[in-house]
Amino acid sequence: MNGFNRDPSEYGRDSGEFKSAREQSFFAGNPAPAEGNDGGTSEKARARRERRRQATLTSLAGFLVAATVAVAGTAAFASLPAAAEITAQAMHTSVVYRVEVTEGEDLDVVLYNDFVRFSRPLAAGTNSGVFEDLLSDAEYTVAVVGETAFGEKTVASAKVRTTEAPDPVTEWRGVDYECLCGYDGYFHFRMDYTDGRGEYSGFEASVTDESGRVSYCVFGADLHAEQRIDVADNVQLYGQGTFRLSCLDAGRGGERVVLCEVTFDI
């Protein structure tokens, strides 16, 4: 037991050769040789390290260049050089649209919701049309779209909802007329039409005889009631007469349209 406490010098070795347990368990790797004592080995090591560092920087630079090209490519393919304006009006079971394409090609106008999708091609300039046979009281999106390498891109869009009530109707059905010139001196007529959208206005009616003399109608408050034009009472027209009826039509851009023109014997 006392052998463990003997002086290390008894073994004939320098006591400095004996290390503590902590020192024996530590491994610091291979230290670089001291300069001046390695025959130039340290210079070679530094050169190798520098070459490895330069190679790493070169690889990293190549990776960054490749990444930049990829991003630029993504931006180019994802963009869609197009411009358009869209307006849409919903009716009871239809949607009227107007699209003005100012830039871009191969564009479509689409109408869709969660259940249906309709598509029509667009041309440069003004495009108009109607999507029909839709559900009433339902929301739809009308959009101008184009394809890119990464899928469909929306250029312009508008949301509309079809009406719950049926669409108001504007319809011209005709005119009934009769000349009672020899009886009461008047040309009588009655207009048959429905104007639920309020498109008809500015009614004008007249009778012109073969000499160019004209007598005009003074319309009553009820435009659906019988109207009359003086041709032989206070105004004396002779020979063959021409009855002409016209109005302003908002459905045709507000232009004046002829509703009826007939000739008769006064």
C-alpha atoms as a PDB file:
ATOM      1  CA  MET A   1       0.000   0.000   0.000  1.00  0.00           C
ATOM      2  CA  ASN A   2       2.861   2.346   0.792  1.00  0.00           C
ATOM      3  CA  GLY A   3       4.208   1.760  -2.731  1.00  0.00           C
ATOM      4  CA  PHE A   4       1.717   4.196  -4.085  1.00  0.00           C
ATOM      5  CA  ASN A   5       3.355   6.991  -2.083  1.00  0.00           C
ATOM      6  CA  ARG A   6       6.902   6.419  -3.192  1.00  0.00           C
ATOM      7  CA  ASP A   7       8.919   9.243  -4.613  1.00  0.00           C
ATOM      8  CA  PRO A   8       8.827   9.112  -8.384  1.00  0.00           C
ATOM      9  CA  SER A   9      12.563   9.777  -8.522  1.00  0.00           C
ATOM     10  CA  GLU A  10      13.136   6.258  -7.357  1.00  0.00           C
ATOM     11  CA  TYR A  11      12.096   4.916 -10.741  1.00  0.00           C
ATOM     12  CA  GLY A  12      14.941   6.671 -12.429  1.00  0.00           C
ATOM     13  CA  ARG A  13      12.709   9.064 -14.483  1.00  0.00           C
ATOM     14  CA  ASP A  14      12.268  12.768 -14.365  1.00  0.00           C
ATOM     15  CA  SER A  15       9.263  13.588 -12.276  1.00  0.00           C
ATOM     16  CA  GLY A  16       8.155  15.949 -15.067  1.00  0.00           C
ATOM     17  CA  GLU A  17       7.255  12.947 -17.182  1.00  0.00           C
ATOM     18  CA  PHE A  18       4.360  12.108 -14.942  1.00  0.00           C
ATOM     19  CA  LYS A  19       1.127  14.019 -15.788  1.00  0.00           C
ATOM     20  CA  SER A  20      -2.042  14.498 -13.918  1.00  0.00           C
ATOM     21  CA  ALA A  21      -5.180  12.610 -14.939  1.00  0.00           C
ATOM     22  CA  ARG A  22      -6.694  15.834 -16.345  1.00  0.00           C
ATOM     23  CA  GLU A  23      -3.708  16.454 -18.575  1.00  0.00           C
ATOM     24  CA  GLN A  24      -3.681  12.898 -19.860  1.00  0.00           C
ATOM     25  CA  SER A  25      -7.364  12.977 -20.986  1.00  0.00           C
ATOM     26  CA  PHE A  26      -7.070  16.133 -23.161  1.00  0.00           C
ATOM     27  CA  PHE A  27      -6.307  15.867 -26.901  1.00  0.00           C
ATOM     28  CA  ALA A  28      -5.741  19.119 -28.691  1.00  0.00           C
ATOM     29  CA  GLY A  29      -5.047  17.684 -32.139  1.00  0.00           C
ATOM     30  CA  ASN A  30      -1.905  18.087 -34.157  1.00  0.00           C
ATOM     31  CA  PRO A  31      -0.381  21.484 -33.434  1.00  0.00           C
ATOM     32  CA  ALA A  32       1.134  23.371 -36.340  1.00  0.00           C
ATOM     33  CA  PRO A  33       4.914  23.064 -36.347  1.00  0.00           C
ATOM     34  CA  ALA A  34       6.802  26.052 -35.109  1.00  0.00           C
ATOM     35  CA  GLU A  35       8.074  28.421 -37.788  1.00  0.00           C
ATOM     36  CA  GLY A  36      11.734  28.042 -38.585  1.00  0.00           C
ATOM     37  CA  ASN A  37      11.917  24.460 -37.437  1.00  0.00           C
ATOM     38  CA  ASP A  38       9.753  22.631 -40.077  1.00  0.00           C
ATOM     39  CA  GLY A  39      11.861  23.058 -43.160  1.00  0.00           C
ATOM     40  CA  GLY A  40       9.121  25.225 -44.850  1.00  0.00           C
ATOM     41  CA  THR A  41       6.229  22.980 -43.896  1.00  0.00           C
ATOM     42  CA  SER A  42       4.201  25.877 -42.396  1.00  0.00           C
ATOM     43  CA  GLU A  43       4.408  27.866 -45.666  1.00  0.00           C
ATOM     44  CA  LYS A  44       3.014  24.904 -47.596  1.00  0.00           C
ATOM     45  CA  ALA A  45       0.218  24.516 -45.074  1.00  0.00           C
ATOM     46  CA  ARG A  46      -0.707  28.161 -45.355  1.00  0.00           C
ATOM     47  CA  ALA A  47      -0.723  27.875 -49.149  1.00  0.00           C
ATOM     48  CA  ARG A  48      -3.017  24.851 -48.987  1.00  0.00           C
ATOM     49  CA  ARG A  49      -5.358  26.655 -46.617  1.00  0.00           C
ATOM     50  CA  GLU A  50      -5.437  29.694 -48.903  1.00  0.00           C
ATOM     51  CA  ARG A  51      -6.232  27.527 -51.932  1.00  0.00           C
ATOM     52  CA  ARG A  52      -9.064  25.838 -50.050  1.00  0.00           C
ATOM     53  CA  ARG A  53     -10.436  29.235 -48.956  1.00  0.00           C
ATOM     54  CA  GLN A  54     -10.336  30.596 -52.518  1.00  0.00           C
ATOM     55  CA  ALA A  55     -12.060  27.454 -53.822  1.00  0.00           C
ATOM     56  CA  THR A  56     -14.797  27.849 -51.209  1.00  0.00           C
ATOM     57  CA  LEU A  57     -15.332  31.513 -52.107  1.00  0.00           C
ATOM     58  CA  THR A  58     -15.442  30.634 -55.813  1.00  0.00           C
ATOM     59  CA  SER A  59     -18.087  27.949 -55.217  1.00  0.00           C
ATOM     60  CA  LEU A  60     -20.144  30.294 -53.049  1.00  0.00           C
ATOM     61  CA  ALA A  61     -19.969  33.024 -55.688  1.00  0.00           C
ATOM     62  CA  GLY A  62     -21.149  30.569 -58.361  1.00  0.00           C
ATOM     63  CA  PHE A  63     -24.086  29.532 -56.181  1.00  0.00           C
ATOM     64  CA  LEU A  64     -25.160  33.155 -55.654  1.00  0.00           C
ATOM     65  CA  VAL A  65     -24.983  33.889 -59.395  1.00  0.00           C
ATOM     66  CA  ALA A  66     -27.138  30.841 -60.144  1.00  0.00           C
ATOM     67  CA  ALA A  67     -29.646  31.870 -57.468  1.00  0.00           C
ATOM     68  CA  THR A  68     -29.874  35.398 -58.897  1.00  0.00           C
ATOM     69  CA  VAL A  69     -30.586  34.056 -62.401  1.00  0.00           C
ATOM     70  CA  ALA A  70     -33.305  31.823 -61.026  1.00  0.00           C
ATOM     71  CA  VAL A  71     -35.038  34.726 -59.253  1.00  0.00           C
ATOM     72  CA  ALA A  72     -34.845  36.916 -62.340  1.00  0.00           C
ATOM     73  CA  GLY A  73     -36.302  34.112 -64.420  1.00  0.00           C
ATOM     74  CA  THR A  74     -39.144  33.660 -61.948  1.00  0.00           C
ATOM     75  CA  ALA A  75     -40.022  37.345 -62.092  1.00  0.00           C
ATOM     76  CA  ALA A  76     -39.972  37.325 -65.881  1.00  0.00           C
ATOM     77  CA  PHE A  77     -42.181  34.257 -66.263  1.00  0.00           C
ATOM     78  CA  ALA A  78     -44.561  35.263 -63.476  1.00  0.00           C
ATOM     79  CA  SER A  79     -45.230  38.722 -64.929  1.00  0.00           C
ATOM     80  CA  LEU A  80     -47.999  39.192 -67.485  1.00  0.00           C
ATOM     81  CA  PRO A  81     -47.614  42.314 -69.646  1.00  0.00           C
ATOM     82  CA  ALA A  82     -51.318  43.098 -69.963  1.00  0.00           C
ATOM     83  CA  ALA A  83     -53.736  45.890 -69.107  1.00  0.00           C
ATOM     84  CA  ALA A  84     -57.525  45.930 -69.321  1.00  0.00           C
ATOM     85  CA  GLU A  85     -60.596  47.631 -67.864  1.00  0.00           C
ATOM     86  CA  ILE A  86     -63.803  45.754 -67.175  1.00  0.00           C
ATOM     87  CA  THR A  87     -67.363  46.825 -66.368  1.00  0.00           C
ATOM     88  CA  ALA A  88     -70.210  44.429 -65.668  1.00  0.00           C
ATOM     89  CA  GLN A  89     -73.926  44.723 -64.929  1.00  0.00           C
ATOM     90  CA  ALA A  90     -75.956  41.891 -63.459  1.00  0.00           C
ATOM     91  CA  MET A  91     -79.537  41.226 -64.508  1.00  0.00           C
ATOM     92  CA  HIS A  92     -81.953  38.539 -63.281  1.00  0.00           C
ATOM     93  CA  THR A  93     -80.258  35.557 -64.954  1.00  0.00           C
ATOM     94  CA  SER A  94     -77.543  37.239 -67.035  1.00  0.00           C
ATOM     95  CA  VAL A  95     -74.464  39.462 -66.754  1.00  0.00           C
ATOM     96  CA  VAL A  96     -73.586  42.051 -69.380  1.00  0.00           C
ATOM     97  CA  TYR A  97     -69.868  42.880 -69.633  1.00  0.00           C
ATOM     98  CA  ARG A  98     -67.653  45.338 -71.469  1.00  0.00           C
ATOM     99  CA  VAL A  99     -63.868  44.902 -71.568  1.00  0.00           C
ATOM    100  CA  GLU A 100     -61.338  47.359 -72.957  1.00  0.00           C
ATOM    101  CA  VAL A 101     -58.018  45.584 -73.643  1.00  0.00           C
ATOM    102  CA  THR A 102     -55.202  48.129 -73.963  1.00  0.00           C
ATOM    103  CA  GLU A 103     -52.249  45.719 -73.723  1.00  0.00           C
ATOM    104  CA  GLY A 104     -51.656  41.985 -73.930  1.00  0.00           C
ATOM    105  CA  GLU A 105     -52.534  38.979 -76.051  1.00  0.00           C
ATOM    106  CA  ASP A 106     -54.276  35.639 -75.501  1.00  0.00           C
ATOM    107  CA  LEU A 107     -56.503  37.066 -72.766  1.00  0.00           C
ATOM    108  CA  ASP A 108     -59.917  35.709 -71.773  1.00  0.00           C
ATOM    109  CA  VAL A 109     -62.929  37.103 -69.970  1.00  0.00           C
ATOM    110  CA  VAL A 110     -64.269  34.603 -67.451  1.00  0.00           C
ATOM    111  CA  LEU A 111     -67.357  34.493 -65.255  1.00  0.00           C
ATOM    112  CA  TYR A 112     -67.246  32.153 -62.280  1.00  0.00           C
ATOM    113  CA  ASN A 113     -68.227  31.341 -58.737  1.00  0.00           C
ATOM    114  CA  ASP A 114     -67.794  28.233 -56.598  1.00  0.00           C
ATOM    115  CA  PHE A 115     -69.991  26.169 -58.914  1.00  0.00           C
ATOM    116  CA  VAL A 116     -69.594  27.327 -62.524  1.00  0.00           C
ATOM    117  CA  ARG A 117     -67.038  28.869 -64.840  1.00  0.00           C
ATOM    118  CA  PHE A 118     -67.529  30.314 -68.332  1.00  0.00           C
ATOM    119  CA  SER A 119     -64.767  31.695 -70.546  1.00  0.00           C
ATOM    120  CA  ARG A 120     -64.550  33.673 -73.779  1.00  0.00           C
ATOM    121  CA  PRO A 121     -61.495  34.932 -75.697  1.00  0.00           C
ATOM    122  CA  LEU A 122     -60.750  38.637 -75.921  1.00  0.00           C
ATOM    123  CA  ALA A 123     -59.314  40.734 -78.733  1.00  0.00           C
ATOM    124  CA  ALA A 124     -57.422  44.002 -78.516  1.00  0.00           C
ATOM    125  CA  GLY A 125     -59.719  46.993 -78.062  1.00  0.00           C
ATOM    126  CA  THR A 126     -63.373  46.921 -77.012  1.00  0.00           C
ATOM    127  CA  ASN A 127     -65.131  43.626 -76.258  1.00  0.00           C
ATOM    128  CA  SER A 128     -68.740  43.287 -75.084  1.00  0.00           C
ATOM    129  CA  GLY A 129     -71.139  40.430 -74.536  1.00  0.00           C
ATOM    130  CA  VAL A 130     -73.578  38.681 -72.226  1.00  0.00           C
ATOM    131  CA  PHE A 131     -73.259  35.598 -70.021  1.00  0.00           C
ATOM    132  CA  GLU A 132     -76.739  34.069 -69.918  1.00  0.00           C
ATOM    133  CA  ASP A 133     -78.667  31.258 -68.199  1.00  0.00           C
ATOM    134  CA  LEU A 134     -77.273  32.111 -64.769  1.00  0.00           C
ATOM    135  CA  LEU A 135     -78.888  31.680 -61.375  1.00  0.00           C
ATOM    136  CA  SER A 136     -80.865  34.565 -59.927  1.00  0.00           C
ATOM    137  CA  ASP A 137     -79.739  36.201 -56.684  1.00  0.00           C
ATOM    138  CA  ALA A 138     -76.244  34.695 -56.981  1.00  0.00           C
ATOM    139  CA  GLU A 139     -72.790  36.271 -56.780  1.00  0.00           C
ATOM    140  CA  TYR A 140     -70.353  35.959 -59.665  1.00  0.00           C
ATOM    141  CA  THR A 141     -66.894  37.274 -60.474  1.00  0.00           C
ATOM    142  CA  VAL A 142     -66.166  38.626 -63.941  1.00  0.00           C
ATOM    143  CA  ALA A 143     -62.426  38.782 -64.661  1.00  0.00           C
ATOM    144  CA  VAL A 144     -59.856  39.276 -67.394  1.00  0.00           C
ATOM    145  CA  VAL A 145     -57.201  36.560 -67.125  1.00  0.00           C
ATOM    146  CA  GLY A 146     -54.093  35.348 -68.926  1.00  0.00           C
ATOM    147  CA  GLU A 147     -51.778  32.350 -68.653  1.00  0.00           C
ATOM    148  CA  THR A 148     -48.188  32.544 -67.380  1.00  0.00           C
ATOM    149  CA  ALA A 149     -45.593  29.838 -66.808  1.00  0.00           C
ATOM    150  CA  PHE A 150     -46.810  29.665 -63.217  1.00  0.00           C
ATOM    151  CA  GLY A 151     -50.537  29.516 -63.899  1.00  0.00           C
ATOM    152  CA  GLU A 152     -53.399  31.915 -64.453  1.00  0.00           C
ATOM    153  CA  LYS A 153     -52.994  35.598 -63.621  1.00  0.00           C
ATOM    154  CA  THR A 154     -55.897  38.025 -63.141  1.00  0.00           C
ATOM    155  CA  VAL A 155     -55.534  41.355 -64.934  1.00  0.00           C
ATOM    156  CA  ALA A 156     -58.826  42.961 -63.820  1.00  0.00           C
ATOM    157  CA  SER A 157     -61.980  41.754 -62.094  1.00  0.00           C
ATOM    158  CA  ALA A 158     -65.393  42.833 -60.791  1.00  0.00           C
ATOM    159  CA  LYS A 159     -67.958  41.160 -58.538  1.00  0.00           C
ATOM    160  CA  VAL A 160     -71.669  41.260 -59.381  1.00  0.00           C
ATOM    161  CA  ARG A 161     -74.877  39.696 -58.041  1.00  0.00           C
ATOM    162  CA  THR A 162     -77.809  38.738 -60.221  1.00  0.00           C
ATOM    163  CA  THR A 163     -81.125  40.216 -59.151  1.00  0.00           C
ATOM    164  CA  GLU A 164     -83.766  38.316 -57.236  1.00  0.00           C
ATOM    165  CA  ALA A 165     -86.669  39.875 -59.144  1.00  0.00           C
ATOM    166  CA  PRO A 166     -87.160  39.254 -62.871  1.00  0.00           C
ATOM    167  CA  ASP A 167     -85.523  41.707 -65.250  1.00  0.00           C
ATOM    168  CA  PRO A 168     -87.600  44.728 -66.267  1.00  0.00           C
ATOM    169  CA  VAL A 169     -88.683  44.446 -69.888  1.00  0.00           C
ATOM    170  CA  THR A 170     -88.485  47.090 -72.607  1.00  0.00           C
ATOM    171  CA  GLU A 171     -90.248  45.939 -75.755  1.00  0.00           C
ATOM    172  CA  TRP A 172     -91.802  47.695 -78.717  1.00  0.00           C
ATOM    173  CA  ARG A 173     -94.776  45.690 -80.028  1.00  0.00           C
ATOM    174  CA  GLY A 174     -96.154  48.053 -82.649  1.00  0.00           C
ATOM    175  CA  VAL A 175     -98.723  50.757 -83.323  1.00  0.00           C
ATOM    176  CA  ASP A 176    -102.403  50.704 -84.311  1.00  0.00           C
ATOM    177  CA  TYR A 177    -103.543  53.586 -86.518  1.00  0.00           C
ATOM    178  CA  GLU A 178    -106.595  54.792 -88.440  1.00  0.00           C
ATOM    179  CA  CYS A 179    -107.337  57.876 -90.465  1.00  0.00           C
ATOM    180  CA  LEU A 180    -110.764  59.345 -89.665  1.00  0.00           C
ATOM    181  CA  CYS A 181    -110.087  62.457 -91.682  1.00  0.00           C
ATOM    182  CA  GLY A 182    -113.544  62.559 -93.289  1.00  0.00           C
ATOM    183  CA  TYR A 183    -115.275  61.878 -89.993  1.00  0.00           C
ATOM    184  CA  ASP A 184    -113.548  64.013 -87.351  1.00  0.00           C
ATOM    185  CA  GLY A 185    -110.562  65.414 -89.280  1.00  0.00           C
ATOM    186  CA  TYR A 186    -107.919  63.493 -87.268  1.00  0.00           C
ATOM    187  CA  PHE A 187    -105.407  60.668 -87.751  1.00  0.00           C
ATOM    188  CA  HIS A 188    -105.649  58.359 -84.712  1.00  0.00           C
ATOM    189  CA  PHE A 189    -102.982  55.994 -83.360  1.00  0.00           C
ATOM    190  CA  ARG A 190    -102.149  54.000 -80.245  1.00  0.00           C
ATOM    191  CA  MET A 191     -98.665  52.766 -79.279  1.00  0.00           C
ATOM    192  CA  ASP A 192     -98.248  49.259 -77.883  1.00  0.00           C
ATOM    193  CA  TYR A 193     -95.050  48.883 -75.876  1.00  0.00           C
ATOM    194  CA  THR A 194     -93.531  48.090 -72.473  1.00  0.00           C
ATOM    195  CA  ASP A 195     -90.656  50.167 -71.115  1.00  0.00           C
ATOM    196  CA  GLY A 196     -89.641  48.629 -67.811  1.00  0.00           C
ATOM    197  CA  ARG A 197     -86.041  49.832 -68.224  1.00  0.00           C
ATOM    198  CA  GLY A 198     -87.051  53.378 -69.074  1.00  0.00           C
ATOM    199  CA  GLU A 199     -85.274  53.423 -72.428  1.00  0.00           C
ATOM    200  CA  TYR A 200     -87.904  55.220 -74.559  1.00  0.00           C
ATOM    201  CA  SER A 201     -88.284  58.997 -74.440  1.00  0.00           C
ATOM    202  CA  GLY A 202     -88.830  62.016 -76.664  1.00  0.00           C
ATOM    203  CA  PHE A 203     -91.690  60.584 -78.733  1.00  0.00           C
ATOM    204  CA  GLU A 204     -92.495  62.515 -81.911  1.00  0.00           C
ATOM    205  CA  ALA A 205     -95.300  61.849 -84.416  1.00  0.00           C
ATOM    206  CA  SER A 206     -96.387  63.716 -87.520  1.00  0.00           C
ATOM    207  CA  VAL A 207     -98.354  63.517 -90.743  1.00  0.00           C
ATOM    208  CA  THR A 208     -96.900  65.068 -93.909  1.00  0.00           C
ATOM    209  CA  ASP A 209     -98.990  65.520 -97.031  1.00  0.00           C
ATOM    210  CA  GLU A 210     -97.795  65.252-100.613  1.00  0.00           C
ATOM    211  CA  SER A 211     -97.127  68.992-100.751  1.00  0.00           C
ATOM    212  CA  GLY A 212     -94.770  68.858 -97.739  1.00  0.00           C
ATOM    213  CA  ARG A 213     -97.149  70.435 -95.238  1.00  0.00           C
ATOM    214  CA  VAL A 214     -96.714  68.899 -91.756  1.00  0.00           C
ATOM    215  CA  SER A 215     -99.007  68.476 -88.765  1.00  0.00           C
ATOM    216  CA  TYR A 216     -97.521  67.336 -85.472  1.00  0.00           C
ATOM    217  CA  CYS A 217     -98.963  65.293 -82.623  1.00  0.00           C
ATOM    218  CA  VAL A 218     -99.414  66.826 -79.194  1.00  0.00           C
ATOM    219  CA  PHE A 219     -99.058  63.815 -76.911  1.00  0.00           C
ATOM    220  CA  GLY A 220    -101.288  63.339 -73.911  1.00  0.00           C
ATOM    221  CA  ALA A 221    -100.048  62.524 -70.434  1.00  0.00           C
ATOM    222  CA  ASP A 222    -100.718  58.794 -70.895  1.00  0.00           C
ATOM    223  CA  LEU A 223     -98.497  57.672 -73.744  1.00  0.00           C
ATOM    224  CA  HIS A 224    -100.285  54.317 -73.901  1.00  0.00           C
ATOM    225  CA  ALA A 225    -103.620  55.996 -74.531  1.00  0.00           C
ATOM    226  CA  GLU A 226    -104.918  56.899 -77.971  1.00  0.00           C
ATOM    227  CA  GLN A 227    -103.183  59.886 -79.591  1.00  0.00           C
ATOM    228  CA  ARG A 228    -104.333  61.936 -82.581  1.00  0.00           C
ATOM    229  CA  ILE A 229    -102.966  64.326 -85.226  1.00  0.00           C
ATOM    230  CA  ASP A 230    -105.040  67.071 -86.845  1.00  0.00           C
ATOM    231  CA  VAL A 231    -105.085  66.670 -90.633  1.00  0.00           C
ATOM    232  CA  ALA A 232    -108.389  68.241 -91.750  1.00  0.00           C
ATOM    233  CA  ASP A 233    -109.807  70.226 -88.853  1.00  0.00           C
ATOM    234  CA  ASN A 234    -107.642  73.237 -88.032  1.00  0.00           C
ATOM    235  CA  VAL A 235    -104.846  72.037 -90.362  1.00  0.00           C
ATOM    236  CA  GLN A 236    -105.724  71.270 -93.980  1.00  0.00           C
ATOM    237  CA  LEU A 237    -103.635  68.461 -95.483  1.00  0.00           C
ATOM    238  CA  TYR A 238    -104.429  67.009 -98.904  1.00  0.00           C
ATOM    239  CA  GLY A 239    -103.730  64.021-101.062  1.00  0.00           C
ATOM    240  CA  GLN A 240    -101.471  61.267 -99.798  1.00  0.00           C
ATOM    241  CA  GLY A 241    -100.208  61.528 -96.228  1.00  0.00           C
ATOM    242  CA  THR A 242     -97.213  59.955 -94.495  1.00  0.00           C
ATOM    243  CA  PHE A 243     -97.434  59.091 -90.821  1.00  0.00           C
ATOM    244  CA  ARG A 244     -94.083  58.968 -89.035  1.00  0.00           C
ATOM    245  CA  LEU A 245     -93.483  58.003 -85.389  1.00  0.00           C
ATOM    246  CA  SER A 246     -90.076  58.079 -83.650  1.00  0.00           C
ATOM    247  CA  CYS A 247     -88.436  58.239 -80.215  1.00  0.00           C
ATOM    248  CA  LEU A 248     -85.085  58.433 -78.478  1.00  0.00           C
ATOM    249  CA  ASP A 249     -83.822  54.939 -77.560  1.00  0.00           C
ATOM    250  CA  ALA A 250     -81.351  54.722 -74.673  1.00  0.00           C
ATOM    251  CA  GLY A 251     -80.794  51.062 -75.501  1.00  0.00           C
ATOM    252  CA  ARG A 252     -79.246  52.245 -78.773  1.00  0.00           C
ATOM    253  CA  GLY A 253     -77.067  54.918 -77.273  1.00  0.00           C
ATOM    254  CA  GLY A 254     -79.792  57.578 -77.154  1.00  0.00           C
ATOM    255  CA  GLU A 255     -80.219  57.818 -80.924  1.00  0.00           C
ATOM    256  CA  ARG A 256     -83.564  58.661 -82.484  1.00  0.00           C
ATOM    257  CA  VAL A 257     -85.192  55.609 -84.037  1.00  0.00           C
ATOM    258  CA  VAL A 258     -88.237  55.375 -86.329  1.00  0.00           C
ATOM    259  CA  LEU A 259     -90.921  53.183 -84.815  1.00  0.00           C
ATOM    260  CA  CYS A 260     -93.433  53.407 -87.632  1.00  0.00           C
ATOM    261  CA  GLU A 261     -93.708  55.051 -91.050  1.00  0.00           C
ATOM    262  CA  VAL A 262     -96.736  54.440 -93.303  1.00  0.00           C
ATOM    263  CA  THR A 263     -98.568  56.225 -96.118  1.00  0.00           C
ATOM    264  CA  PHE A 264    -102.334  56.631 -96.442  1.00  0.00           C
ATOM    265  CA  ASP A 265    -104.944  58.652 -98.297  1.00  0.00           C
ATOM    266  CA  ILE A 266    -106.128  61.700 -96.455  1.00  0.00           C
END
